[in-house]
Amino acid sequence: MRVISGTSKGRKLVTRRGQILRPTSGRIKESIFGILGGDVAGKGVLDLFAGTGNLGIEALSRGARKAFFVERERQALHVIQKNLSQCGMEGQSEILPMDAIRAIGILEARGESFDLIFMDPPYERGLVEKTLEKLKTHRIYHERSILIVQRDRREPLPEPFEGWTLIRESRIGDTIVSFLGPGFSSGEQGNEAVNDHCKIGSQQ
């Protein structure tokens, strides 16, 4: 597992495979950042269910301003810290050693707001729906934010799909990557925000 592009391009990241850690594959990571394109530089990033820190570190390498890593497993926390250290990214990052639901509440209380939120929970445990519901009532994002959700093809997005707009989906093997934006009604979002989302949806 390596950083694909940016200041740490080619840097090998530490990982420990097993039941606890399921790093995002290089193929999926390349697809995600290919779709995001240049919409990473200068952005504030939240990496929920961070695992090895693979996605947040890739974002930092591509110019993200800062990344928060949320992870509760002790083994994974050690891996994230080691990867950040060897990439020289400690000053651009913060690790929250707790579960995602608790972290979302704490981040809201701190007044944090993120441009990009990566969400790669353990598959088929209902965590996609639970986390989306928490985010819907805890606005740690703004009208132009993008939420990138990885899920197993057998785990559909919750219905009714309130609070979010589906911008784009890609399937890579058994994994589906969904790009979501905050739901909006007429007058709630400006044309600029709508156009930003449409750009993501139209990239090939």
C-alpha atoms as a PDB file:
ATOM      1  CA  MET A   1       0.000   0.000   0.000  1.00  0.00           C
ATOM      2  CA  ARG A   2       1.563   3.253  -1.176  1.00  0.00           C
ATOM      3  CA  VAL A   3       0.710   6.930  -1.524  1.00  0.00           C
ATOM      4  CA  ILE A   4      -0.332   7.414  -5.145  1.00  0.00           C
ATOM      5  CA  SER A   5       0.394  11.087  -5.779  1.00  0.00           C
ATOM      6  CA  GLY A   6       1.587  14.362  -4.287  1.00  0.00           C
ATOM      7  CA  THR A   7       4.380  15.234  -1.884  1.00  0.00           C
ATOM      8  CA  SER A   8       4.602  11.702  -0.471  1.00  0.00           C
ATOM      9  CA  LYS A   9       4.123   9.905  -3.802  1.00  0.00           C
ATOM     10  CA  GLY A  10       5.472   6.371  -3.694  1.00  0.00           C
ATOM     11  CA  ARG A  11       5.796   6.321   0.091  1.00  0.00           C
ATOM     12  CA  LYS A  12       4.992   2.852   1.421  1.00  0.00           C
ATOM     13  CA  LEU A  13       2.462   2.876   4.251  1.00  0.00           C
ATOM     14  CA  VAL A  14       2.413   0.491   7.180  1.00  0.00           C
ATOM     15  CA  THR A  15      -0.556  -1.866   7.362  1.00  0.00           C
ATOM     16  CA  ARG A  16      -1.557  -4.916   9.343  1.00  0.00           C
ATOM     17  CA  ARG A  17      -4.090  -6.997   7.547  1.00  0.00           C
ATOM     18  CA  GLY A  18      -6.703  -9.003   9.378  1.00  0.00           C
ATOM     19  CA  GLN A  19     -10.153  -8.653  10.865  1.00  0.00           C
ATOM     20  CA  ILE A  20      -9.399  -5.267  12.422  1.00  0.00           C
ATOM     21  CA  LEU A  21      -7.881  -3.479   9.424  1.00  0.00           C
ATOM     22  CA  ARG A  22      -9.220  -3.520   5.866  1.00  0.00           C
ATOM     23  CA  PRO A  23      -7.199  -0.893   4.013  1.00  0.00           C
ATOM     24  CA  THR A  24      -8.782   0.751   0.981  1.00  0.00           C
ATOM     25  CA  SER A  25      -7.220  -0.928  -2.040  1.00  0.00           C
ATOM     26  CA  GLY A  26      -5.029   1.035  -4.397  1.00  0.00           C
ATOM     27  CA  ARG A  27      -7.592   0.578  -7.163  1.00  0.00           C
ATOM     28  CA  ILE A  28     -10.429   2.047  -5.091  1.00  0.00           C
ATOM     29  CA  LYS A  29      -8.247   4.868  -3.763  1.00  0.00           C
ATOM     30  CA  GLU A  30      -7.117   5.774  -7.274  1.00  0.00           C
ATOM     31  CA  SER A  31     -10.741   5.842  -8.437  1.00  0.00           C
ATOM     32  CA  ILE A  32     -11.833   8.088  -5.539  1.00  0.00           C
ATOM     33  CA  PHE A  33      -9.091  10.652  -6.043  1.00  0.00           C
ATOM     34  CA  GLY A  34      -9.409  10.486  -9.815  1.00  0.00           C
ATOM     35  CA  ILE A  35     -13.047  11.544  -9.460  1.00  0.00           C
ATOM     36  CA  LEU A  36     -12.201  14.264  -6.924  1.00  0.00           C
ATOM     37  CA  GLY A  37      -9.473  15.547  -9.216  1.00  0.00           C
ATOM     38  CA  GLY A  38      -8.087  18.849  -7.990  1.00  0.00           C
ATOM     39  CA  ASP A  39     -10.839  19.239  -5.396  1.00  0.00           C
ATOM     40  CA  VAL A  40      -8.472  18.285  -2.555  1.00  0.00           C
ATOM     41  CA  ALA A  41      -5.825  21.001  -2.263  1.00  0.00           C
ATOM     42  CA  GLY A  42      -6.434  23.380   0.615  1.00  0.00           C
ATOM     43  CA  LYS A  43      -9.374  21.377   1.957  1.00  0.00           C
ATOM     44  CA  GLY A  44     -10.152  20.269   5.492  1.00  0.00           C
ATOM     45  CA  VAL A  45     -10.539  16.483   5.613  1.00  0.00           C
ATOM     46  CA  LEU A  46     -12.203  14.083   8.024  1.00  0.00           C
ATOM     47  CA  ASP A  47     -11.269  10.394   7.755  1.00  0.00           C
ATOM     48  CA  LEU A  48     -13.914   8.405   9.673  1.00  0.00           C
ATOM     49  CA  PHE A  49     -13.208   4.721  10.437  1.00  0.00           C
ATOM     50  CA  ALA A  50      -9.674   5.655   9.386  1.00  0.00           C
ATOM     51  CA  GLY A  51      -8.044   2.219   9.707  1.00  0.00           C
ATOM     52  CA  THR A  52      -4.472   2.781   8.506  1.00  0.00           C
ATOM     53  CA  GLY A  53      -5.089   6.439   7.655  1.00  0.00           C
ATOM     54  CA  ASN A  54      -4.692   5.579   3.978  1.00  0.00           C
ATOM     55  CA  LEU A  55      -7.301   8.007   2.588  1.00  0.00           C
ATOM     56  CA  GLY A  56      -6.546  10.970   4.834  1.00  0.00           C
ATOM     57  CA  ILE A  57      -2.816  10.630   4.160  1.00  0.00           C
ATOM     58  CA  GLU A  58      -3.436  10.523   0.414  1.00  0.00           C
ATOM     59  CA  ALA A  59      -5.469  13.728   0.743  1.00  0.00           C
ATOM     60  CA  LEU A  60      -2.677  15.429   2.718  1.00  0.00           C
ATOM     61  CA  SER A  61      -0.128  14.348   0.131  1.00  0.00           C
ATOM     62  CA  ARG A  62      -2.309  16.000  -2.530  1.00  0.00           C
ATOM     63  CA  GLY A  63      -2.378  19.301  -0.686  1.00  0.00           C
ATOM     64  CA  ALA A  64      -5.200  19.071   1.858  1.00  0.00           C
ATOM     65  CA  ARG A  65      -4.854  21.708   4.568  1.00  0.00           C
ATOM     66  CA  LYS A  66      -5.462  19.386   7.535  1.00  0.00           C
ATOM     67  CA  ALA A  67      -6.869  15.926   8.185  1.00  0.00           C
ATOM     68  CA  PHE A  68      -8.592  14.499  11.252  1.00  0.00           C
ATOM     69  CA  PHE A  69      -8.389  10.709  11.694  1.00  0.00           C
ATOM     70  CA  VAL A  70     -11.110   8.970  13.706  1.00  0.00           C
ATOM     71  CA  GLU A  71     -10.395   5.409  14.804  1.00  0.00           C
ATOM     72  CA  ARG A  72     -11.076   3.426  17.979  1.00  0.00           C
ATOM     73  CA  GLU A  73      -8.985   0.265  17.499  1.00  0.00           C
ATOM     74  CA  ARG A  74      -5.669   0.436  19.352  1.00  0.00           C
ATOM     75  CA  GLN A  75      -3.730  -1.454  16.696  1.00  0.00           C
ATOM     76  CA  ALA A  76      -5.042   0.839  13.974  1.00  0.00           C
ATOM     77  CA  LEU A  77      -4.201   3.967  15.986  1.00  0.00           C
ATOM     78  CA  HIS A  78      -0.588   2.835  16.225  1.00  0.00           C
ATOM     79  CA  VAL A  79      -0.492   2.274  12.449  1.00  0.00           C
ATOM     80  CA  ILE A  80      -1.975   5.720  11.700  1.00  0.00           C
ATOM     81  CA  GLN A  81       0.537   7.439  13.958  1.00  0.00           C
ATOM     82  CA  LYS A  82       3.431   5.585  12.369  1.00  0.00           C
ATOM     83  CA  ASN A  83       2.264   6.393   8.834  1.00  0.00           C
ATOM     84  CA  LEU A  84       1.791  10.079   9.629  1.00  0.00           C
ATOM     85  CA  SER A  85       5.233  10.213  11.214  1.00  0.00           C
ATOM     86  CA  GLN A  86       7.065   8.614   8.315  1.00  0.00           C
ATOM     87  CA  CYS A  87       5.280  10.959   5.880  1.00  0.00           C
ATOM     88  CA  GLY A  88       6.115  13.996   8.028  1.00  0.00           C
ATOM     89  CA  MET A  89       2.438  14.913   8.413  1.00  0.00           C
ATOM     90  CA  GLU A  90       2.036  15.143  12.200  1.00  0.00           C
ATOM     91  CA  GLY A  91       1.666  18.936  12.083  1.00  0.00           C
ATOM     92  CA  GLN A  92      -1.187  18.726   9.561  1.00  0.00           C
ATOM     93  CA  SER A  93      -3.195  16.085  11.357  1.00  0.00           C
ATOM     94  CA  GLU A  94      -5.098  15.166  14.492  1.00  0.00           C
ATOM     95  CA  ILE A  95      -6.080  11.691  15.670  1.00  0.00           C
ATOM     96  CA  LEU A  96      -9.293  11.137  17.622  1.00  0.00           C
ATOM     97  CA  PRO A  97      -9.074   7.737  19.406  1.00  0.00           C
ATOM     98  CA  MET A  98     -12.802   6.962  19.612  1.00  0.00           C
ATOM     99  CA  ASP A  99     -15.737   5.650  17.622  1.00  0.00           C
ATOM    100  CA  ALA A 100     -17.116   7.732  14.772  1.00  0.00           C
ATOM    101  CA  ILE A 101     -20.484   8.541  16.368  1.00  0.00           C
ATOM    102  CA  ARG A 102     -18.878  10.032  19.475  1.00  0.00           C
ATOM    103  CA  ALA A 103     -16.278  11.873  17.409  1.00  0.00           C
ATOM    104  CA  ILE A 104     -18.917  13.563  15.249  1.00  0.00           C
ATOM    105  CA  GLY A 105     -20.559  15.036  18.353  1.00  0.00           C
ATOM    106  CA  ILE A 106     -17.237  16.241  19.750  1.00  0.00           C
ATOM    107  CA  LEU A 107     -16.196  17.807  16.450  1.00  0.00           C
ATOM    108  CA  GLU A 108     -19.496  19.674  16.212  1.00  0.00           C
ATOM    109  CA  ALA A 109     -19.062  20.984  19.768  1.00  0.00           C
ATOM    110  CA  ARG A 110     -15.609  22.235  18.764  1.00  0.00           C
ATOM    111  CA  GLY A 111     -17.074  24.071  15.782  1.00  0.00           C
ATOM    112  CA  GLU A 112     -15.160  22.036  13.202  1.00  0.00           C
ATOM    113  CA  SER A 113     -16.350  21.952   9.583  1.00  0.00           C
ATOM    114  CA  PHE A 114     -14.942  19.747   6.829  1.00  0.00           C
ATOM    115  CA  ASP A 115     -14.813  20.023   3.048  1.00  0.00           C
ATOM    116  CA  LEU A 116     -14.230  16.302   2.440  1.00  0.00           C
ATOM    117  CA  ILE A 117     -15.437  13.473   4.673  1.00  0.00           C
ATOM    118  CA  PHE A 118     -14.232   9.935   3.970  1.00  0.00           C
ATOM    119  CA  MET A 119     -16.309   7.149   5.474  1.00  0.00           C
ATOM    120  CA  ASP A 120     -15.204   3.512   5.165  1.00  0.00           C
ATOM    121  CA  PRO A 121     -16.875   1.581   8.010  1.00  0.00           C
ATOM    122  CA  PRO A 122     -16.731  -2.201   8.471  1.00  0.00           C
ATOM    123  CA  TYR A 123     -19.061  -3.649   5.877  1.00  0.00           C
ATOM    124  CA  GLU A 124     -22.614  -4.893   6.528  1.00  0.00           C
ATOM    125  CA  ARG A 125     -22.897  -3.794  10.165  1.00  0.00           C
ATOM    126  CA  GLY A 126     -25.411  -1.001   9.646  1.00  0.00           C
ATOM    127  CA  LEU A 127     -22.768   1.644  10.285  1.00  0.00           C
ATOM    128  CA  VAL A 128     -23.381   3.494   7.014  1.00  0.00           C
ATOM    129  CA  GLU A 129     -26.978   4.299   7.979  1.00  0.00           C
ATOM    130  CA  LYS A 130     -26.116   5.037  11.611  1.00  0.00           C
ATOM    131  CA  THR A 131     -23.322   7.434  10.686  1.00  0.00           C
ATOM    132  CA  LEU A 132     -25.356   9.225   8.001  1.00  0.00           C
ATOM    133  CA  GLU A 133     -28.129   9.792  10.538  1.00  0.00           C
ATOM    134  CA  LYS A 134     -25.643  11.230  13.033  1.00  0.00           C
ATOM    135  CA  LEU A 135     -24.147  13.520  10.420  1.00  0.00           C
ATOM    136  CA  LYS A 136     -27.595  14.723   9.368  1.00  0.00           C
ATOM    137  CA  THR A 137     -28.181  16.166  12.847  1.00  0.00           C
ATOM    138  CA  HIS A 138     -24.601  17.287  13.519  1.00  0.00           C
ATOM    139  CA  ARG A 139     -23.484  19.729  10.832  1.00  0.00           C
ATOM    140  CA  ILE A 140     -19.731  19.337  10.700  1.00  0.00           C
ATOM    141  CA  TYR A 141     -19.834  20.225   7.007  1.00  0.00           C
ATOM    142  CA  HIS A 142     -21.137  23.005   4.768  1.00  0.00           C
ATOM    143  CA  GLU A 143     -23.192  23.295   1.597  1.00  0.00           C
ATOM    144  CA  ARG A 144     -20.256  22.481  -0.722  1.00  0.00           C
ATOM    145  CA  SER A 145     -18.871  19.561   1.305  1.00  0.00           C
ATOM    146  CA  ILE A 146     -18.544  16.102  -0.222  1.00  0.00           C
ATOM    147  CA  LEU A 147     -19.028  12.856   1.685  1.00  0.00           C
ATOM    148  CA  ILE A 148     -17.359   9.789   0.147  1.00  0.00           C
ATOM    149  CA  VAL A 149     -18.860   6.521   1.417  1.00  0.00           C
ATOM    150  CA  GLN A 150     -17.460   3.049   0.751  1.00  0.00           C
ATOM    151  CA  ARG A 151     -19.846   0.135   1.198  1.00  0.00           C
ATOM    152  CA  ASP A 152     -20.348  -3.446   0.135  1.00  0.00           C
ATOM    153  CA  ARG A 153     -22.645  -3.874  -2.869  1.00  0.00           C
ATOM    154  CA  ARG A 154     -24.999  -5.888  -0.619  1.00  0.00           C
ATOM    155  CA  GLU A 155     -25.397  -2.943   1.772  1.00  0.00           C
ATOM    156  CA  PRO A 156     -27.688  -0.353   0.158  1.00  0.00           C
ATOM    157  CA  LEU A 157     -27.827   3.274   1.146  1.00  0.00           C
ATOM    158  CA  PRO A 158     -30.651   3.868   3.622  1.00  0.00           C
ATOM    159  CA  GLU A 159     -34.129   4.701   2.385  1.00  0.00           C
ATOM    160  CA  PRO A 160     -35.717   7.192   2.578  1.00  0.00           C
ATOM    161  CA  PHE A 161     -32.578   9.043   1.606  1.00  0.00           C
ATOM    162  CA  GLU A 162     -33.235  12.229   3.566  1.00  0.00           C
ATOM    163  CA  GLY A 163     -30.633  14.907   4.146  1.00  0.00           C
ATOM    164  CA  TRP A 164     -28.271  13.917   1.341  1.00  0.00           C
ATOM    165  CA  THR A 165     -27.984  14.280  -2.416  1.00  0.00           C
ATOM    166  CA  LEU A 166     -26.373  11.429  -4.355  1.00  0.00           C
ATOM    167  CA  ILE A 167     -23.861  13.016  -6.727  1.00  0.00           C
ATOM    168  CA  ARG A 168     -22.203   9.969  -8.211  1.00  0.00           C
ATOM    169  CA  GLU A 169     -21.562   6.259  -7.611  1.00  0.00           C
ATOM    170  CA  SER A 170     -18.809   3.965  -8.827  1.00  0.00           C
ATOM    171  CA  ARG A 171     -18.534   0.202  -8.412  1.00  0.00           C
ATOM    172  CA  ILE A 172     -15.127  -1.436  -8.069  1.00  0.00           C
ATOM    173  CA  GLY A 173     -15.470  -5.192  -7.595  1.00  0.00           C
ATOM    174  CA  ASP A 174     -17.789  -5.768  -4.633  1.00  0.00           C
ATOM    175  CA  THR A 175     -17.303  -2.231  -3.318  1.00  0.00           C
ATOM    176  CA  ILE A 176     -19.537   0.725  -4.164  1.00  0.00           C
ATOM    177  CA  VAL A 177     -18.204   4.239  -3.641  1.00  0.00           C
ATOM    178  CA  SER A 178     -20.932   6.874  -3.242  1.00  0.00           C
ATOM    179  CA  PHE A 179     -20.262  10.610  -3.474  1.00  0.00           C
ATOM    180  CA  LEU A 180     -22.860  12.562  -1.495  1.00  0.00           C
ATOM    181  CA  GLY A 181     -23.605  16.211  -0.852  1.00  0.00           C
ATOM    182  CA  PRO A 182     -25.807  17.763   1.838  1.00  0.00           C
ATOM    183  CA  GLY A 183     -29.452  17.692   0.784  1.00  0.00           C
ATOM    184  CA  PHE A 184     -30.844  21.029  -0.278  1.00  0.00           C
ATOM    185  CA  SER A 185     -34.099  22.639  -1.248  1.00  0.00           C
ATOM    186  CA  SER A 186     -34.807  25.699  -3.365  1.00  0.00           C
ATOM    187  CA  GLY A 187     -33.103  28.725  -1.821  1.00  0.00           C
ATOM    188  CA  GLU A 188     -31.096  26.680   0.692  1.00  0.00           C
ATOM    189  CA  GLN A 189     -27.999  26.425  -1.505  1.00  0.00           C
ATOM    190  CA  GLY A 190     -26.584  28.851  -4.028  1.00  0.00           C
ATOM    191  CA  ASN A 191     -25.976  28.018  -7.668  1.00  0.00           C
ATOM    192  CA  GLU A 192     -22.237  27.838  -7.038  1.00  0.00           C
ATOM    193  CA  ALA A 193     -22.656  24.940  -4.596  1.00  0.00           C
ATOM    194  CA  VAL A 194     -24.936  23.060  -6.989  1.00  0.00           C
ATOM    195  CA  ASN A 195     -22.435  23.544  -9.799  1.00  0.00           C
ATOM    196  CA  ASP A 196     -19.585  22.249  -7.622  1.00  0.00           C
ATOM    197  CA  HIS A 197     -21.502  19.035  -7.032  1.00  0.00           C
ATOM    198  CA  CYS A 198     -22.382  18.681 -10.701  1.00  0.00           C
ATOM    199  CA  LYS A 199     -18.688  18.898 -11.626  1.00  0.00           C
ATOM    200  CA  ILE A 200     -17.950  15.860  -9.452  1.00  0.00           C
ATOM    201  CA  GLY A 201     -20.891  13.974 -10.923  1.00  0.00           C
ATOM    202  CA  SER A 202     -19.852  14.632 -14.497  1.00  0.00           C
ATOM    203  CA  GLN A 203     -16.194  13.611 -14.302  1.00  0.00           C
ATOM    204  CA  GLN A 204     -15.262  10.428 -16.089  1.00  0.00           C
END
